Amino acid sequence: MLITTTNSLEGYKINDYLGVVSGETIIGANVFKDFFASITDIVGGRSAAYERVLREAKATAMTEMEMQARSFGANAIVGIDLDYETIRDGMLMVTASGTAVKVEKL
């Protein structure tokens, strides 16, 4: 499956637009991660625990979006948009959306 944030794929022709697809995930960071992240925030630096959680959430949302596109018969997704939201303390939501398309190589 070809996936891109652009609206076209160089070297490919879009033959059919199949519809908007999306994947969402809500993930919580546990108390220990929160505690160590707050220490990192105080002393400076990056919070590896939160970065891992964000990467995991993004991967899950992208996988769900790709599965939905495959169910539409797509072989590519264009115009991908990723959104990150904080729902409440320690709860993160990641949404991936795009347009499922059928493409052929030129």
Protein backbone atom coordinates (compact mmCIF):
# COMPACT_ATOMS: atom_id res chain seq x y z
CA MET A 1 0.00 0.00 0.00
CA LEU A 2 1.40 3.38 -1.03
CA ILE A 3 0.74 6.07 1.58
CA THR A 4 1.58 9.75 1.19
CA THR A 5 0.73 13.16 2.58
CA THR A 6 0.69 14.57 -0.95
CA ASN A 7 -2.40 14.59 -3.18
CA SER A 8 -0.70 12.69 -5.98
CA LEU A 9 1.94 10.01 -6.45
CA GLU A 10 4.75 10.76 -8.87
CA GLY A 11 4.97 8.01 -11.46
CA TYR A 12 1.43 6.82 -10.78
CA LYS A 13 -1.97 7.66 -12.21
CA ILE A 14 -4.98 7.78 -9.89
CA ASN A 15 -7.76 5.82 -11.59
CA ASP A 16 -10.40 5.89 -8.90
CA TYR A 17 -11.14 7.82 -5.71
CA LEU A 18 -12.77 5.40 -3.27
CA GLY A 19 -13.51 7.65 -0.32
CA VAL A 20 -12.15 9.05 2.91
CA VAL A 21 -10.55 6.55 5.28
CA SER A 22 -9.41 7.04 8.85
CA GLY A 23 -7.92 5.32 11.82
CA GLU A 24 -8.10 6.48 15.41
CA THR A 25 -6.48 5.41 18.62
CA ILE A 26 -6.64 6.61 22.18
CA ILE A 27 -3.76 5.56 24.33
CA GLY A 28 -2.88 6.24 27.93
CA ALA A 29 0.53 6.63 29.46
CA ASN A 30 0.72 4.91 32.80
CA VAL A 31 1.50 6.56 36.14
CA PHE A 32 5.18 5.58 36.11
CA LYS A 33 5.69 7.04 32.64
CA ASP A 34 3.92 10.23 33.79
CA PHE A 35 6.16 10.46 36.84
CA PHE A 36 9.41 10.03 34.90
CA ALA A 37 8.21 12.35 32.14
CA SER A 38 7.55 15.06 34.72
CA ILE A 39 11.10 14.65 36.05
CA THR A 40 12.44 14.94 32.51
CA ASP A 41 10.34 18.08 32.03
CA ILE A 42 11.80 19.61 35.19
CA VAL A 43 15.45 18.88 34.39
CA GLY A 44 15.08 19.34 30.66
CA GLY A 45 15.46 16.96 27.79
CA ARG A 46 13.14 14.71 25.88
CA SER A 47 10.63 12.31 27.34
CA ALA A 48 11.45 8.96 25.72
CA ALA A 49 8.44 7.34 27.41
CA TYR A 50 5.97 9.75 25.81
CA GLU A 51 7.76 9.60 22.47
CA ARG A 52 7.35 5.81 22.45
CA VAL A 53 3.65 6.13 23.31
CA LEU A 54 3.13 8.67 20.50
CA ARG A 55 4.93 6.46 17.96
CA GLU A 56 2.82 3.47 19.04
CA ALA A 57 -0.41 5.48 18.76
CA LYS A 58 0.56 6.81 15.31
CA ALA A 59 1.40 3.30 14.07
CA THR A 60 -1.93 1.95 15.33
CA ALA A 61 -3.94 4.77 13.69
CA MET A 62 -2.06 4.35 10.40
CA THR A 63 -2.62 0.57 10.43
CA GLU A 64 -6.36 0.99 11.04
CA MET A 65 -6.58 3.53 8.20
CA GLU A 66 -4.71 1.20 5.86
CA MET A 67 -6.99 -1.73 6.76
CA GLN A 68 -10.05 0.39 5.97
CA ALA A 69 -8.53 1.44 2.62
CA ARG A 70 -7.84 -2.21 1.74
CA SER A 71 -11.48 -3.06 2.52
CA PHE A 72 -12.45 -0.39 -0.06
CA GLY A 73 -10.23 -2.10 -2.65
CA ALA A 74 -7.58 0.63 -2.58
CA ASN A 75 -3.90 0.17 -3.29
CA ALA A 76 -2.88 3.66 -2.10
CA ILE A 77 -3.88 6.46 0.26
CA VAL A 78 -3.21 10.09 -0.62
CA GLY A 79 -3.56 13.33 1.34
CA ILE A 80 -2.74 11.77 4.71
CA ASP A 81 -3.29 14.02 7.71
CA LEU A 82 -2.22 13.16 11.27
CA ASP A 83 -3.82 14.86 14.25
CA TYR A 84 -2.71 14.59 17.87
CA GLU A 85 -4.97 15.58 20.77
CA THR A 86 -4.81 15.35 24.54
CA ILE A 87 -8.11 14.00 25.81
CA ARG A 88 -7.33 14.37 29.49
CA ASP A 89 -4.35 13.81 31.77
CA GLY A 90 -2.30 11.00 30.30
CA MET A 91 -4.76 10.17 27.49
CA LEU A 92 -3.61 10.84 23.95
CA MET A 93 -5.66 10.55 20.76
CA VAL A 94 -4.08 10.16 17.35
CA THR A 95 -6.17 10.29 14.18
CA ALA A 96 -4.92 9.46 10.70
CA SER A 97 -7.10 10.24 7.69
CA GLY A 98 -6.70 10.33 3.93
CA THR A 99 -8.31 9.43 0.62
CA ALA A 100 -8.30 5.80 -0.50
CA VAL A 101 -7.49 5.50 -4.20
CA LYS A 102 -6.69 2.96 -6.90
CA VAL A 103 -3.50 3.80 -8.75
CA GLU A 104 -1.50 2.31 -11.60
CA LYS A 105 2.17 2.81 -12.41
CA LEU A 106 2.81 4.97 -15.48
